[in-house]
């Protein structure tokens, strides 16, 4: 991937609330919202924030390779600005924090940092997580492709 840029294409956008409405809530999100919320000290206000978490799926392509990239975000302007704003423009209003969990070693690295992310969101920061299910639990693949994926997705 050195010397050649990845081409990104936006595939879909949904929120956790959309997945709840469609009855396709993943086990991890279910656990955060229902089962372990009290143990994790995630209250009603934090659960409302989680329901509004945006989940954007991108495709990163560099022939012949094609990788799925998932960008999860908690964004303050999503609910208070017009819908005609582009994805990147939404994040220009507040300061942003990129959360990178233990990529390459766990299935859903975003969930490791959910408590500090919710705290920082309440302190007026936008939160962004970038993960790639295509790279899976391979630290070597993350070291090789991760920086270009993160830079390109941002």
N, C-alpha and C. Protein backbone atom coordinates (compact mmCIF):
# COMPACT_ATOMS: atom_id res chain seq x y z
N UNK A 1 0.82 -1.19 0.00
CA UNK A 1 0.00 0.00 0.00
C UNK A 1 0.86 1.25 0.00
N UNK A 2 2.14 1.08 0.14
CA UNK A 2 3.01 2.25 0.11
C UNK A 2 3.03 2.84 -1.28
N UNK A 3 2.85 4.14 -1.35
CA UNK A 3 2.91 4.84 -2.63
C UNK A 3 1.58 4.94 -3.34
N UNK A 4 0.64 4.07 -3.05
CA UNK A 4 -0.66 4.10 -3.70
C UNK A 4 -1.71 4.40 -2.65
N UNK A 5 -2.62 5.29 -3.00
CA UNK A 5 -3.67 5.68 -2.06
C UNK A 5 -4.86 4.73 -2.15
N UNK A 6 -5.50 4.55 -1.03
CA UNK A 6 -6.75 3.81 -1.00
C UNK A 6 -7.86 4.70 -1.52
N UNK A 7 -8.80 4.12 -2.22
CA UNK A 7 -10.00 4.84 -2.66
C UNK A 7 -11.14 4.43 -1.74
N UNK A 8 -11.82 5.42 -1.18
CA UNK A 8 -12.91 5.14 -0.24
C UNK A 8 -14.25 5.44 -0.88
N UNK A 9 -15.22 4.59 -0.56
CA UNK A 9 -16.59 4.77 -1.03
C UNK A 9 -17.52 4.56 0.15
N UNK A 10 -18.47 5.47 0.33
CA UNK A 10 -19.44 5.37 1.42
C UNK A 10 -20.51 4.37 1.01
N UNK A 11 -20.72 3.36 1.84
CA UNK A 11 -21.69 2.31 1.54
C UNK A 11 -23.02 2.56 2.25
N UNK A 12 -22.98 2.83 3.55
CA UNK A 12 -24.24 3.00 4.28
C UNK A 12 -24.04 3.81 5.56
N UNK A 13 -25.14 4.34 6.05
CA UNK A 13 -25.17 5.04 7.33
C UNK A 13 -26.39 4.56 8.11
N UNK A 14 -26.19 4.31 9.37
CA UNK A 14 -27.30 3.97 10.27
C UNK A 14 -26.89 4.39 11.67
N UNK A 15 -27.84 4.36 12.57
CA UNK A 15 -27.55 4.62 13.98
C UNK A 15 -27.87 3.35 14.76
N UNK A 16 -27.43 3.30 15.99
CA UNK A 16 -27.78 2.17 16.84
C UNK A 16 -29.30 2.12 16.99
N UNK A 17 -29.93 3.30 17.06
CA UNK A 17 -31.40 3.36 17.16
C UNK A 17 -32.05 2.67 15.95
N UNK A 18 -31.48 2.86 14.76
CA UNK A 18 -32.01 2.21 13.55
C UNK A 18 -31.94 0.70 13.68
N UNK A 19 -30.84 0.19 14.23
CA UNK A 19 -30.71 -1.27 14.36
C UNK A 19 -31.67 -1.81 15.41
N UNK A 20 -31.94 -1.02 16.45
CA UNK A 20 -32.94 -1.43 17.45
C UNK A 20 -34.31 -1.49 16.79
N UNK A 21 -34.65 -0.46 16.02
CA UNK A 21 -35.95 -0.42 15.35
C UNK A 21 -36.12 -1.57 14.36
N UNK A 22 -35.02 -2.00 13.75
CA UNK A 22 -35.08 -3.09 12.76
C UNK A 22 -34.93 -4.46 13.42
N UNK A 23 -34.83 -4.49 14.74
CA UNK A 23 -34.66 -5.74 15.49
C UNK A 23 -33.43 -6.54 15.07
N UNK A 24 -32.34 -5.84 14.76
CA UNK A 24 -31.10 -6.51 14.39
C UNK A 24 -29.94 -6.03 15.28
N UNK A 25 -30.24 -5.72 16.51
CA UNK A 25 -29.24 -5.21 17.43
C UNK A 25 -28.21 -6.29 17.74
N UNK A 26 -26.94 -5.95 17.54
CA UNK A 26 -25.86 -6.90 17.82
C UNK A 26 -25.79 -7.18 19.31
N UNK A 27 -25.22 -8.32 19.64
CA UNK A 27 -25.14 -8.74 21.04
C UNK A 27 -24.37 -7.73 21.90
N UNK A 28 -23.31 -7.16 21.35
CA UNK A 28 -22.51 -6.20 22.10
C UNK A 28 -23.32 -4.95 22.44
N UNK A 29 -24.00 -4.39 21.45
CA UNK A 29 -24.82 -3.21 21.70
C UNK A 29 -25.96 -3.53 22.67
N UNK A 30 -26.54 -4.72 22.53
CA UNK A 30 -27.60 -5.14 23.46
C UNK A 30 -27.05 -5.17 24.88
N UNK A 31 -25.86 -5.72 25.05
CA UNK A 31 -25.26 -5.79 26.37
C UNK A 31 -25.02 -4.42 26.97
N UNK A 32 -24.54 -3.48 26.14
CA UNK A 32 -24.29 -2.12 26.63
C UNK A 32 -25.58 -1.41 27.00
N UNK A 33 -26.62 -1.61 26.20
CA UNK A 33 -27.88 -0.89 26.42
C UNK A 33 -28.77 -1.55 27.47
N UNK A 34 -28.75 -2.86 27.56
CA UNK A 34 -29.71 -3.56 28.41
C UNK A 34 -29.06 -4.33 29.56
N UNK A 35 -28.19 -5.23 29.23
CA UNK A 35 -27.74 -6.21 30.19
C UNK A 35 -26.71 -5.68 31.20
N UNK A 36 -25.67 -5.01 30.73
CA UNK A 36 -24.57 -4.62 31.61
C UNK A 36 -24.50 -3.12 31.88
N UNK A 37 -25.51 -2.40 31.49
CA UNK A 37 -25.50 -0.95 31.67
C UNK A 37 -25.28 -0.52 33.10
N UNK A 38 -25.93 -1.19 34.04
CA UNK A 38 -25.80 -0.82 35.44
C UNK A 38 -24.39 -1.12 35.95
N UNK A 39 -23.83 -2.28 35.59
CA UNK A 39 -22.47 -2.63 36.01
C UNK A 39 -21.44 -1.65 35.45
N UNK A 40 -21.67 -1.20 34.22
CA UNK A 40 -20.73 -0.28 33.57
C UNK A 40 -21.02 1.18 33.93
N UNK A 41 -22.03 1.39 34.76
CA UNK A 41 -22.45 2.74 35.16
C UNK A 41 -22.86 3.58 33.95
N UNK A 42 -23.61 2.94 33.06
CA UNK A 42 -24.16 3.63 31.90
C UNK A 42 -25.63 3.89 32.20
N UNK A 43 -25.93 5.16 32.46
CA UNK A 43 -27.28 5.54 32.84
C UNK A 43 -28.16 5.84 31.64
N UNK A 44 -29.35 6.33 31.91
CA UNK A 44 -30.33 6.62 30.87
C UNK A 44 -29.81 7.66 29.88
N UNK A 45 -29.15 8.69 30.38
CA UNK A 45 -28.62 9.73 29.50
C UNK A 45 -27.54 9.17 28.57
N UNK A 46 -26.66 8.34 29.11
CA UNK A 46 -25.60 7.74 28.29
C UNK A 46 -26.18 6.77 27.27
N UNK A 47 -27.22 6.04 27.66
CA UNK A 47 -27.86 5.12 26.72
C UNK A 47 -28.50 5.88 25.57
N UNK A 48 -29.07 7.03 25.85
CA UNK A 48 -29.65 7.86 24.79
C UNK A 48 -28.56 8.30 23.81
N UNK A 49 -27.39 8.64 24.34
CA UNK A 49 -26.26 9.01 23.48
C UNK A 49 -25.85 7.82 22.62
N UNK A 50 -25.76 6.63 23.24
CA UNK A 50 -25.38 5.42 22.49
C UNK A 50 -26.37 5.11 21.37
N UNK A 51 -27.66 5.34 21.63
CA UNK A 51 -28.66 5.08 20.59
C UNK A 51 -28.47 5.98 19.38
N UNK A 52 -27.90 7.16 19.59
CA UNK A 52 -27.66 8.09 18.48
C UNK A 52 -26.29 7.91 17.83
N UNK A 53 -25.52 6.91 18.28
CA UNK A 53 -24.21 6.68 17.69
C UNK A 53 -24.36 6.34 16.21
N UNK A 54 -23.66 7.10 15.38
CA UNK A 54 -23.68 6.84 13.94
C UNK A 54 -22.74 5.70 13.59
N UNK A 55 -23.17 4.87 12.65
CA UNK A 55 -22.34 3.77 12.16
C UNK A 55 -22.30 3.88 10.65
N UNK A 56 -21.16 4.32 10.14
CA UNK A 56 -20.97 4.47 8.69
C UNK A 56 -20.08 3.35 8.19
N UNK A 57 -20.52 2.70 7.13
CA UNK A 57 -19.73 1.64 6.52
C UNK A 57 -19.12 2.18 5.24
N UNK A 58 -17.81 2.01 5.13
CA UNK A 58 -17.07 2.46 3.96
C UNK A 58 -16.40 1.26 3.32
N UNK A 59 -16.05 1.43 2.07
CA UNK A 59 -15.27 0.42 1.36
C UNK A 59 -13.95 1.08 0.96
N UNK A 60 -12.85 0.48 1.38
CA UNK A 60 -11.52 0.98 1.01
C UNK A 60 -10.96 0.03 -0.03
N UNK A 61 -10.65 0.58 -1.20
CA UNK A 61 -10.23 -0.28 -2.31
C UNK A 61 -8.87 0.16 -2.83
N UNK A 62 -8.05 -0.83 -3.05
CA UNK A 62 -6.80 -0.68 -3.78
C UNK A 62 -6.64 -2.00 -4.52
N UNK A 63 -6.94 -1.98 -5.80
CA UNK A 63 -7.00 -3.23 -6.57
C UNK A 63 -5.79 -4.10 -6.30
N UNK A 64 -6.03 -5.37 -6.08
CA UNK A 64 -7.30 -6.10 -6.07
C UNK A 64 -7.94 -6.17 -4.68
N UNK A 65 -7.37 -5.49 -3.71
CA UNK A 65 -7.82 -5.59 -2.33
C UNK A 65 -9.01 -4.66 -2.07
N UNK A 66 -9.96 -5.17 -1.30
CA UNK A 66 -11.12 -4.38 -0.89
C UNK A 66 -11.37 -4.66 0.59
N UNK A 67 -11.35 -3.61 1.41
CA UNK A 67 -11.52 -3.76 2.85
C UNK A 67 -12.77 -3.03 3.32
N UNK A 68 -13.48 -3.63 4.26
CA UNK A 68 -14.61 -2.97 4.89
C UNK A 68 -14.09 -2.12 6.04
N UNK A 69 -14.55 -0.88 6.13
CA UNK A 69 -14.16 0.02 7.21
C UNK A 69 -15.44 0.52 7.87
N UNK A 70 -15.49 0.43 9.19
CA UNK A 70 -16.66 0.89 9.94
C UNK A 70 -16.23 2.09 10.79
N UNK A 71 -16.93 3.20 10.59
CA UNK A 71 -16.66 4.42 11.37
C UNK A 71 -17.86 4.63 12.29
N UNK A 72 -17.60 4.51 13.58
CA UNK A 72 -18.63 4.78 14.58
C UNK A 72 -18.37 6.18 15.12
N UNK A 73 -19.43 6.92 15.37
CA UNK A 73 -19.21 8.30 15.83
C UNK A 73 -20.33 8.78 16.75
N UNK A 74 -19.92 9.59 17.69
CA UNK A 74 -20.84 10.36 18.52
C UNK A 74 -20.57 11.81 18.16
N UNK A 75 -21.54 12.45 17.53
CA UNK A 75 -21.32 13.78 16.99
C UNK A 75 -22.40 14.75 17.49
N UNK A 76 -21.97 15.85 18.07
CA UNK A 76 -22.91 16.83 18.61
C UNK A 76 -23.76 17.49 17.53
N UNK A 77 -23.20 17.75 16.38
CA UNK A 77 -23.94 18.50 15.36
C UNK A 77 -24.95 17.65 14.60
N UNK A 78 -24.90 16.35 14.76
CA UNK A 78 -25.80 15.48 14.02
C UNK A 78 -27.26 15.82 14.29
N UNK A 79 -27.57 16.18 15.52
CA UNK A 79 -28.98 16.42 15.86
C UNK A 79 -29.38 17.89 15.82
N UNK A 80 -28.42 18.78 15.56
CA UNK A 80 -28.77 20.20 15.61
C UNK A 80 -28.47 20.95 14.33
N UNK A 81 -27.95 20.28 13.31
CA UNK A 81 -27.65 20.97 12.05
C UNK A 81 -28.47 20.38 10.92
N UNK A 82 -28.49 21.11 9.83
CA UNK A 82 -29.28 20.67 8.68
C UNK A 82 -28.72 19.38 8.09
N UNK A 83 -29.60 18.61 7.47
CA UNK A 83 -29.21 17.32 6.91
C UNK A 83 -28.33 17.43 5.67
N UNK A 84 -28.20 18.61 5.09
CA UNK A 84 -27.43 18.72 3.86
C UNK A 84 -25.92 18.78 4.12
N UNK A 85 -25.51 18.80 5.38
CA UNK A 85 -24.08 18.79 5.68
C UNK A 85 -23.46 17.46 5.27
N UNK A 86 -22.24 17.54 4.74
CA UNK A 86 -21.52 16.33 4.39
C UNK A 86 -20.99 15.68 5.66
N UNK A 87 -20.65 14.40 5.55
CA UNK A 87 -20.17 13.62 6.69
C UNK A 87 -19.04 14.34 7.42
N UNK A 88 -18.01 14.77 6.70
CA UNK A 88 -16.86 15.43 7.31
C UNK A 88 -17.17 16.79 7.90
N UNK A 89 -18.13 17.50 7.31
CA UNK A 89 -18.47 18.84 7.80
C UNK A 89 -19.10 18.81 9.18
N UNK A 90 -19.76 17.73 9.51
CA UNK A 90 -20.40 17.62 10.82
C UNK A 90 -19.39 17.69 11.96
N UNK A 91 -18.16 17.30 11.67
CA UNK A 91 -17.14 17.23 12.71
C UNK A 91 -16.30 18.50 12.80
N UNK A 92 -16.66 19.53 12.06
CA UNK A 92 -15.91 20.78 12.10
C UNK A 92 -16.38 21.73 13.20
N UNK A 93 -17.48 21.43 13.84
CA UNK A 93 -18.08 22.34 14.80
C UNK A 93 -17.46 22.20 16.20
N UNK A 94 -17.16 20.99 16.61
CA UNK A 94 -16.56 20.73 17.93
C UNK A 94 -15.22 20.04 17.76
N UNK A 95 -14.45 19.98 18.84
CA UNK A 95 -13.20 19.24 18.82
C UNK A 95 -13.51 17.75 18.74
N UNK A 96 -12.59 17.00 18.11
CA UNK A 96 -12.80 15.58 17.89
C UNK A 96 -11.73 14.75 18.58
N UNK A 97 -12.13 13.57 19.01
CA UNK A 97 -11.19 12.61 19.59
C UNK A 97 -11.33 11.31 18.82
N UNK A 98 -10.20 10.81 18.34
CA UNK A 98 -10.15 9.52 17.66
C UNK A 98 -9.80 8.47 18.71
N UNK A 99 -10.68 7.51 18.91
CA UNK A 99 -10.45 6.44 19.89
C UNK A 99 -9.98 5.20 19.14
N UNK A 100 -8.84 4.69 19.54
CA UNK A 100 -8.32 3.47 18.92
C UNK A 100 -8.14 2.45 20.04
N UNK A 101 -8.95 1.42 20.02
CA UNK A 101 -8.85 0.37 21.03
C UNK A 101 -7.73 -0.58 20.68
N UNK A 102 -7.80 -1.76 21.19
CA UNK A 102 -6.76 -2.78 20.99
C UNK A 102 -6.99 -3.48 19.65
N UNK A 103 -6.87 -2.71 18.56
CA UNK A 103 -7.13 -3.26 17.23
C UNK A 103 -6.17 -4.41 16.94
N UNK A 104 -6.70 -5.40 16.27
CA UNK A 104 -5.89 -6.57 15.94
C UNK A 104 -5.88 -7.62 17.02
N UNK A 105 -6.43 -7.32 18.19
CA UNK A 105 -6.43 -8.29 19.28
C UNK A 105 -7.81 -8.62 19.81
N UNK A 106 -8.80 -7.78 19.52
CA UNK A 106 -10.17 -8.03 19.99
C UNK A 106 -11.15 -7.81 18.84
N UNK A 107 -12.32 -8.41 18.96
CA UNK A 107 -13.35 -8.32 17.91
C UNK A 107 -13.87 -6.90 17.71
N UNK A 108 -14.21 -6.23 18.79
CA UNK A 108 -14.84 -4.91 18.71
C UNK A 108 -14.06 -3.92 19.57
N UNK A 109 -12.95 -3.40 19.05
CA UNK A 109 -12.10 -2.53 19.87
C UNK A 109 -12.78 -1.24 20.32
N UNK A 110 -13.81 -0.80 19.62
CA UNK A 110 -14.49 0.43 20.00
C UNK A 110 -15.13 0.31 21.39
N UNK A 111 -15.60 -0.89 21.73
CA UNK A 111 -16.32 -1.07 22.98
C UNK A 111 -15.42 -0.94 24.20
N UNK A 112 -14.11 -1.14 24.03
CA UNK A 112 -13.18 -1.03 25.15
C UNK A 112 -13.16 0.38 25.73
N UNK A 113 -13.42 1.36 24.90
CA UNK A 113 -13.28 2.76 25.32
C UNK A 113 -14.63 3.47 25.43
N UNK A 114 -15.70 2.72 25.60
CA UNK A 114 -17.02 3.33 25.59
C UNK A 114 -17.23 4.25 26.80
N UNK A 115 -16.77 3.87 27.98
CA UNK A 115 -16.97 4.72 29.16
C UNK A 115 -16.22 6.04 29.06
N UNK A 116 -14.92 6.05 28.74
CA UNK A 116 -14.27 7.36 28.59
C UNK A 116 -14.83 8.16 27.41
N UNK A 117 -15.27 7.47 26.36
CA UNK A 117 -15.84 8.17 25.21
C UNK A 117 -17.13 8.88 25.59
N UNK A 118 -17.99 8.21 26.34
CA UNK A 118 -19.23 8.85 26.79
C UNK A 118 -18.94 10.04 27.69
N UNK A 119 -17.97 9.92 28.55
CA UNK A 119 -17.58 11.03 29.42
C UNK A 119 -17.10 12.22 28.59
N UNK A 120 -16.21 11.96 27.64
CA UNK A 120 -15.66 13.04 26.81
C UNK A 120 -16.73 13.65 25.91
N UNK A 121 -17.67 12.85 25.45
CA UNK A 121 -18.78 13.37 24.65
C UNK A 121 -19.60 14.36 25.48
N UNK A 122 -19.83 14.04 26.74
CA UNK A 122 -20.57 14.94 27.62
C UNK A 122 -19.79 16.23 27.90
N UNK A 123 -18.49 16.21 27.67
CA UNK A 123 -17.64 17.40 27.84
C UNK A 123 -17.48 18.15 26.52
N UNK A 124 -18.39 17.89 25.57
CA UNK A 124 -18.47 18.62 24.30
C UNK A 124 -17.46 18.20 23.23
N UNK A 125 -16.95 16.98 23.29
CA UNK A 125 -16.08 16.47 22.24
C UNK A 125 -16.87 15.52 21.35
N UNK A 126 -16.57 15.54 20.05
CA UNK A 126 -17.07 14.50 19.15
C UNK A 126 -16.13 13.31 19.29
N UNK A 127 -16.68 12.11 19.14
CA UNK A 127 -15.90 10.89 19.30
C UNK A 127 -15.97 10.10 18.00
N UNK A 128 -14.81 9.58 17.57
CA UNK A 128 -14.74 8.79 16.34
C UNK A 128 -13.97 7.50 16.63
N UNK A 129 -14.53 6.37 16.21
CA UNK A 129 -13.84 5.08 16.24
C UNK A 129 -13.74 4.60 14.81
N UNK A 130 -12.61 4.04 14.44
CA UNK A 130 -12.46 3.46 13.11
C UNK A 130 -11.99 2.03 13.30
N UNK A 131 -12.69 1.10 12.67
CA UNK A 131 -12.30 -0.31 12.75
C UNK A 131 -12.49 -0.95 11.39
N UNK A 132 -11.84 -2.07 11.20
CA UNK A 132 -11.98 -2.79 9.94
C UNK A 132 -12.17 -4.27 10.22
N UNK A 133 -13.41 -4.75 10.09
CA UNK A 133 -13.65 -6.18 10.27
C UNK A 133 -12.82 -7.03 9.30
N UNK A 134 -12.48 -6.46 8.15
CA UNK A 134 -11.68 -7.19 7.16
C UNK A 134 -10.29 -7.53 7.69
N UNK A 135 -9.76 -6.69 8.56
CA UNK A 135 -8.43 -6.95 9.12
C UNK A 135 -8.49 -7.88 10.32
N UNK A 136 -9.69 -8.00 10.89
CA UNK A 136 -9.91 -8.95 11.97
C UNK A 136 -8.98 -8.80 13.15
N UNK A 137 -8.66 -9.95 13.74
CA UNK A 137 -7.80 -9.97 14.92
C UNK A 137 -6.37 -10.33 14.53
N UNK A 138 -5.82 -9.54 13.62
CA UNK A 138 -4.45 -9.76 13.15
C UNK A 138 -3.62 -8.50 13.38
N UNK A 139 -2.80 -8.49 14.44
CA UNK A 139 -1.98 -7.30 14.68
C UNK A 139 -1.06 -6.96 13.50
N UNK A 140 -0.58 -7.99 12.82
CA UNK A 140 0.31 -7.75 11.68
C UNK A 140 -0.41 -7.01 10.56
N UNK A 141 -1.63 -7.43 10.26
CA UNK A 141 -2.39 -6.76 9.20
C UNK A 141 -2.74 -5.34 9.62
N UNK A 142 -3.05 -5.13 10.90
CA UNK A 142 -3.34 -3.77 11.38
C UNK A 142 -2.12 -2.88 11.29
N UNK A 143 -0.95 -3.41 11.62
CA UNK A 143 0.27 -2.62 11.50
C UNK A 143 0.57 -2.27 10.05
N UNK A 144 0.25 -3.18 9.16
CA UNK A 144 0.54 -2.96 7.74
C UNK A 144 -0.47 -2.01 7.10
N UNK A 145 -1.76 -2.25 7.33
CA UNK A 145 -2.80 -1.50 6.63
C UNK A 145 -3.53 -0.46 7.48
N UNK A 146 -3.48 -0.60 8.80
CA UNK A 146 -4.25 0.27 9.70
C UNK A 146 -3.99 1.75 9.54
N UNK A 147 -2.73 2.20 9.53
CA UNK A 147 -2.50 3.65 9.41
C UNK A 147 -3.11 4.26 8.14
N UNK A 148 -2.99 3.57 7.01
CA UNK A 148 -3.58 4.09 5.77
C UNK A 148 -5.10 4.10 5.84
N UNK A 149 -5.68 3.07 6.47
CA UNK A 149 -7.14 3.03 6.63
C UNK A 149 -7.64 4.18 7.49
N UNK A 150 -6.98 4.40 8.60
CA UNK A 150 -7.41 5.46 9.51
C UNK A 150 -7.23 6.83 8.86
N UNK A 151 -6.08 7.05 8.25
CA UNK A 151 -5.83 8.34 7.59
C UNK A 151 -6.85 8.58 6.47
N UNK A 152 -7.11 7.57 5.68
CA UNK A 152 -8.06 7.71 4.57
C UNK A 152 -9.49 7.92 5.04
N UNK A 153 -9.89 7.21 6.09
CA UNK A 153 -11.26 7.33 6.59
C UNK A 153 -11.50 8.70 7.22
N UNK A 154 -10.45 9.27 7.82
CA UNK A 154 -10.60 10.60 8.42
C UNK A 154 -10.73 11.65 7.34
